[in-house]
């Protein structure tokens, strides 16, 4: 039995310790916001927060998450009002949407660490998130807008 906290709820799961966190979230906890993209940590569709760090859940063993805090897109904000989520909607970032949860989760960590990122900062932080639709320009604009929303909220 492995115990972890997912979106502020303590959870016990009876799985092999080598099971990827992605599959526990999707198959055992029915959290479908985290997506399977590549399975080798190259696309970013599976990004979640583990103790505030953006991690690729497809290659993160559940044993690493034991007794840790995991946040998925479903737990980023109760009302969908995180600054990144607001900016994503305001600037109509999403096209097909498949990669967007991972994009948002990566952007949220960037803005937690850097309140006013430059284009270079954004490019570096988001480099591991692939969007097959090519929404990169809108993603960058939304991250800048989210930083502005975050700064103005204080």
C-alpha atoms as a PDB file:
ATOM      1  CA  UNK A   1       0.000   0.000   0.000  1.00  0.00           C
ATOM      2  CA  UNK A   2       1.364   3.398  -0.994  1.00  0.00           C
ATOM      3  CA  UNK A   3       0.072   6.580   0.628  1.00  0.00           C
ATOM      4  CA  UNK A   4       0.272   9.954  -1.073  1.00  0.00           C
ATOM      5  CA  UNK A   5      -1.680  13.189  -1.103  1.00  0.00           C
ATOM      6  CA  UNK A   6      -3.335  14.062  -4.399  1.00  0.00           C
ATOM      7  CA  UNK A   7      -5.014  17.440  -4.754  1.00  0.00           C
ATOM      8  CA  UNK A   8      -5.077  17.798  -0.958  1.00  0.00           C
ATOM      9  CA  UNK A   9      -6.692  14.393  -0.394  1.00  0.00           C
ATOM     10  CA  UNK A  10      -4.792  11.596   1.316  1.00  0.00           C
ATOM     11  CA  UNK A  11      -4.941   8.517  -0.898  1.00  0.00           C
ATOM     12  CA  UNK A  12      -3.899   4.896  -0.409  1.00  0.00           C
ATOM     13  CA  UNK A  13      -3.231   2.800  -3.503  1.00  0.00           C
ATOM     14  CA  UNK A  14      -2.310  -0.834  -3.727  1.00  0.00           C
ATOM     15  CA  UNK A  15      -0.057  -0.937  -6.781  1.00  0.00           C
ATOM     16  CA  UNK A  16       3.418  -2.099  -7.687  1.00  0.00           C
ATOM     17  CA  UNK A  17       5.945   0.540  -6.509  1.00  0.00           C
ATOM     18  CA  UNK A  18       7.315   0.763 -10.070  1.00  0.00           C
ATOM     19  CA  UNK A  19       3.941   1.777 -11.536  1.00  0.00           C
ATOM     20  CA  UNK A  20       4.157   5.172 -13.235  1.00  0.00           C
ATOM     21  CA  UNK A  21       2.357   7.921 -11.341  1.00  0.00           C
ATOM     22  CA  UNK A  22       0.457   8.721 -14.563  1.00  0.00           C
ATOM     23  CA  UNK A  23      -1.325   5.373 -14.537  1.00  0.00           C
ATOM     24  CA  UNK A  24      -2.197   5.598 -10.864  1.00  0.00           C
ATOM     25  CA  UNK A  25      -3.710   9.055 -11.413  1.00  0.00           C
ATOM     26  CA  UNK A  26      -5.679   8.027 -14.496  1.00  0.00           C
ATOM     27  CA  UNK A  27      -6.577   4.390 -13.874  1.00  0.00           C
ATOM     28  CA  UNK A  28      -6.954   4.260 -10.093  1.00  0.00           C
ATOM     29  CA  UNK A  29      -8.029   7.807  -9.228  1.00  0.00           C
ATOM     30  CA  UNK A  30      -9.930   8.707 -12.434  1.00  0.00           C
ATOM     31  CA  UNK A  31      -8.026  11.984 -12.875  1.00  0.00           C
ATOM     32  CA  UNK A  32      -8.203  12.328 -16.643  1.00  0.00           C
ATOM     33  CA  UNK A  33      -6.649  15.786 -16.919  1.00  0.00           C
ATOM     34  CA  UNK A  34      -3.185  14.265 -16.928  1.00  0.00           C
ATOM     35  CA  UNK A  35      -2.575  12.829 -20.388  1.00  0.00           C
ATOM     36  CA  UNK A  36      -0.428  10.067 -21.835  1.00  0.00           C
ATOM     37  CA  UNK A  37       1.534  11.447 -24.737  1.00  0.00           C
ATOM     38  CA  UNK A  38       4.815   9.679 -25.307  1.00  0.00           C
ATOM     39  CA  UNK A  39       5.650   7.607 -22.242  1.00  0.00           C
ATOM     40  CA  UNK A  40       9.295   8.710 -22.259  1.00  0.00           C
ATOM     41  CA  UNK A  41       9.130  12.209 -20.688  1.00  0.00           C
ATOM     42  CA  UNK A  42       9.591  14.047 -23.980  1.00  0.00           C
ATOM     43  CA  UNK A  43       6.231  15.694 -24.676  1.00  0.00           C
ATOM     44  CA  UNK A  44       5.015  17.172 -21.372  1.00  0.00           C
ATOM     45  CA  UNK A  45       1.359  16.115 -21.676  1.00  0.00           C
ATOM     46  CA  UNK A  46       1.667  14.275 -18.350  1.00  0.00           C
ATOM     47  CA  UNK A  47       3.132  17.099 -16.222  1.00  0.00           C
ATOM     48  CA  UNK A  48       1.933  17.239 -12.615  1.00  0.00           C
ATOM     49  CA  UNK A  49       3.394  18.900  -9.540  1.00  0.00           C
ATOM     50  CA  UNK A  50       5.251  16.767  -7.019  1.00  0.00           C
ATOM     51  CA  UNK A  51       5.942  18.880  -3.945  1.00  0.00           C
ATOM     52  CA  UNK A  52       5.711  21.974  -6.150  1.00  0.00           C
ATOM     53  CA  UNK A  53       8.073  20.688  -8.832  1.00  0.00           C
ATOM     54  CA  UNK A  54       6.887  20.012 -12.379  1.00  0.00           C
ATOM     55  CA  UNK A  55       7.475  16.313 -13.099  1.00  0.00           C
ATOM     56  CA  UNK A  56       6.669  13.979 -15.969  1.00  0.00           C
ATOM     57  CA  UNK A  57       4.255  11.528 -14.410  1.00  0.00           C
ATOM     58  CA  UNK A  58       4.764   8.971 -17.188  1.00  0.00           C
ATOM     59  CA  UNK A  59       8.275   8.213 -15.902  1.00  0.00           C
ATOM     60  CA  UNK A  60       7.822   9.061 -12.214  1.00  0.00           C
ATOM     61  CA  UNK A  61       7.368   5.875 -10.220  1.00  0.00           C
ATOM     62  CA  UNK A  62       4.557   5.918  -7.701  1.00  0.00           C
ATOM     63  CA  UNK A  63       7.131   4.989  -5.051  1.00  0.00           C
ATOM     64  CA  UNK A  64       8.723   8.436  -5.544  1.00  0.00           C
ATOM     65  CA  UNK A  65       5.365  10.045  -4.760  1.00  0.00           C
ATOM     66  CA  UNK A  66       4.885   8.072  -1.536  1.00  0.00           C
ATOM     67  CA  UNK A  67       4.090  10.423   1.353  1.00  0.00           C
ATOM     68  CA  UNK A  68       4.425  13.394  -1.024  1.00  0.00           C
ATOM     69  CA  UNK A  69       2.075  16.104  -2.328  1.00  0.00           C
ATOM     70  CA  UNK A  70       0.838  15.631  -5.902  1.00  0.00           C
ATOM     71  CA  UNK A  71      -1.204  18.276  -7.708  1.00  0.00           C
ATOM     72  CA  UNK A  72      -2.891  17.627 -11.040  1.00  0.00           C
ATOM     73  CA  UNK A  73      -4.679  20.092 -13.304  1.00  0.00           C
ATOM     74  CA  UNK A  74      -7.873  19.194 -11.432  1.00  0.00           C
ATOM     75  CA  UNK A  75      -6.291  20.424  -8.195  1.00  0.00           C
ATOM     76  CA  UNK A  76      -4.507  23.526  -9.467  1.00  0.00           C
ATOM     77  CA  UNK A  77      -7.462  25.676  -8.388  1.00  0.00           C
ATOM     78  CA  UNK A  78     -10.937  24.822  -7.175  1.00  0.00           C
ATOM     79  CA  UNK A  79     -12.702  27.261  -9.463  1.00  0.00           C
ATOM     80  CA  UNK A  80     -10.348  27.186 -12.449  1.00  0.00           C
ATOM     81  CA  UNK A  81      -9.170  30.635 -11.453  1.00  0.00           C
ATOM     82  CA  UNK A  82      -5.432  30.168 -11.198  1.00  0.00           C
ATOM     83  CA  UNK A  83      -3.771  33.083 -13.065  1.00  0.00           C
ATOM     84  CA  UNK A  84      -2.468  30.700 -15.731  1.00  0.00           C
ATOM     85  CA  UNK A  85      -5.916  29.211 -16.273  1.00  0.00           C
ATOM     86  CA  UNK A  86      -7.462  32.681 -16.488  1.00  0.00           C
ATOM     87  CA  UNK A  87      -4.878  33.801 -19.037  1.00  0.00           C
ATOM     88  CA  UNK A  88      -5.326  30.612 -21.094  1.00  0.00           C
ATOM     89  CA  UNK A  89      -9.054  31.325 -21.410  1.00  0.00           C
ATOM     90  CA  UNK A  90      -8.658  35.069 -21.939  1.00  0.00           C
ATOM     91  CA  UNK A  91      -6.177  34.590 -24.787  1.00  0.00           C
ATOM     92  CA  UNK A  92      -7.894  31.516 -26.261  1.00  0.00           C
ATOM     93  CA  UNK A  93      -4.706  29.448 -26.171  1.00  0.00           C
ATOM     94  CA  UNK A  94      -6.247  26.027 -26.670  1.00  0.00           C
ATOM     95  CA  UNK A  95      -6.639  24.504 -30.082  1.00  0.00           C
ATOM     96  CA  UNK A  96      -7.128  20.728 -29.745  1.00  0.00           C
ATOM     97  CA  UNK A  97      -6.362  20.902 -26.009  1.00  0.00           C
ATOM     98  CA  UNK A  98      -4.556  17.588 -25.567  1.00  0.00           C
ATOM     99  CA  UNK A  99      -1.283  19.096 -24.325  1.00  0.00           C
ATOM    100  CA  UNK A 100      -2.773  22.036 -22.481  1.00  0.00           C
ATOM    101  CA  UNK A 101      -2.994  20.572 -18.956  1.00  0.00           C
ATOM    102  CA  UNK A 102       0.720  19.803 -19.095  1.00  0.00           C
ATOM    103  CA  UNK A 103       1.439  23.245 -20.530  1.00  0.00           C
ATOM    104  CA  UNK A 104      -0.560  24.927 -17.756  1.00  0.00           C
ATOM    105  CA  UNK A 105       1.090  22.869 -15.026  1.00  0.00           C
ATOM    106  CA  UNK A 106       4.575  23.707 -16.343  1.00  0.00           C
ATOM    107  CA  UNK A 107       3.678  27.395 -16.660  1.00  0.00           C
ATOM    108  CA  UNK A 108       2.313  27.480 -13.094  1.00  0.00           C
ATOM    109  CA  UNK A 109       5.644  26.266 -11.710  1.00  0.00           C
ATOM    110  CA  UNK A 110       7.532  28.776 -13.861  1.00  0.00           C
ATOM    111  CA  UNK A 111       5.436  31.640 -12.476  1.00  0.00           C
ATOM    112  CA  UNK A 112       5.802  30.409  -8.926  1.00  0.00           C
ATOM    113  CA  UNK A 113       9.583  30.590  -9.353  1.00  0.00           C
ATOM    114  CA  UNK A 114       9.788  33.646 -11.632  1.00  0.00           C
ATOM    115  CA  UNK A 115       7.183  36.377 -11.246  1.00  0.00           C
ATOM    116  CA  UNK A 116       8.245  38.247 -14.393  1.00  0.00           C
ATOM    117  CA  UNK A 117       9.717  35.808 -16.932  1.00  0.00           C
ATOM    118  CA  UNK A 118      11.388  36.952 -20.130  1.00  0.00           C
ATOM    119  CA  UNK A 119      10.795  35.247 -23.467  1.00  0.00           C
ATOM    120  CA  UNK A 120      14.013  33.300 -22.903  1.00  0.00           C
ATOM    121  CA  UNK A 121      12.831  32.200 -19.439  1.00  0.00           C
ATOM    122  CA  UNK A 122       9.520  31.048 -20.882  1.00  0.00           C
ATOM    123  CA  UNK A 123      11.175  29.227 -23.761  1.00  0.00           C
ATOM    124  CA  UNK A 124      13.535  27.423 -21.382  1.00  0.00           C
ATOM    125  CA  UNK A 125      10.793  26.451 -18.925  1.00  0.00           C
ATOM    126  CA  UNK A 126       8.384  25.295 -21.615  1.00  0.00           C
ATOM    127  CA  UNK A 127      10.909  23.590 -23.917  1.00  0.00           C
ATOM    128  CA  UNK A 128       9.792  20.126 -22.848  1.00  0.00           C
ATOM    129  CA  UNK A 129       6.129  20.741 -23.643  1.00  0.00           C
ATOM    130  CA  UNK A 130       5.203  19.847 -27.195  1.00  0.00           C
ATOM    131  CA  UNK A 131       2.083  21.202 -28.867  1.00  0.00           C
ATOM    132  CA  UNK A 132       1.267  19.481 -32.130  1.00  0.00           C
ATOM    133  CA  UNK A 133      -1.103  22.326 -32.998  1.00  0.00           C
ATOM    134  CA  UNK A 134       1.681  24.907 -32.660  1.00  0.00           C
ATOM    135  CA  UNK A 135       0.115  27.188 -30.058  1.00  0.00           C
ATOM    136  CA  UNK A 136       3.532  28.274 -28.793  1.00  0.00           C
ATOM    137  CA  UNK A 137       3.033  31.987 -29.505  1.00  0.00           C
ATOM    138  CA  UNK A 138      -0.281  31.992 -27.624  1.00  0.00           C
ATOM    139  CA  UNK A 139       1.281  29.967 -24.784  1.00  0.00           C
ATOM    140  CA  UNK A 140       4.020  32.575 -24.394  1.00  0.00           C
ATOM    141  CA  UNK A 141       1.499  35.426 -24.498  1.00  0.00           C
ATOM    142  CA  UNK A 142      -0.673  33.672 -21.905  1.00  0.00           C
ATOM    143  CA  UNK A 143       2.253  33.120 -19.555  1.00  0.00           C
ATOM    144  CA  UNK A 144       3.083  36.828 -19.744  1.00  0.00           C
ATOM    145  CA  UNK A 145      -0.570  37.673 -19.141  1.00  0.00           C
ATOM    146  CA  UNK A 146      -0.728  35.246 -16.205  1.00  0.00           C
ATOM    147  CA  UNK A 147       2.344  36.900 -14.688  1.00  0.00           C
ATOM    148  CA  UNK A 148       0.551  40.248 -15.000  1.00  0.00           C
ATOM    149  CA  UNK A 149      -2.645  38.843 -13.425  1.00  0.00           C
ATOM    150  CA  UNK A 150      -0.564  37.351 -10.608  1.00  0.00           C
ATOM    151  CA  UNK A 151       1.288  40.613  -9.949  1.00  0.00           C
ATOM    152  CA  UNK A 152      -1.931  42.664  -9.986  1.00  0.00           C
ATOM    153  CA  UNK A 153      -3.682  40.306  -7.566  1.00  0.00           C
ATOM    154  CA  UNK A 154      -1.319  41.198  -4.748  1.00  0.00           C
END
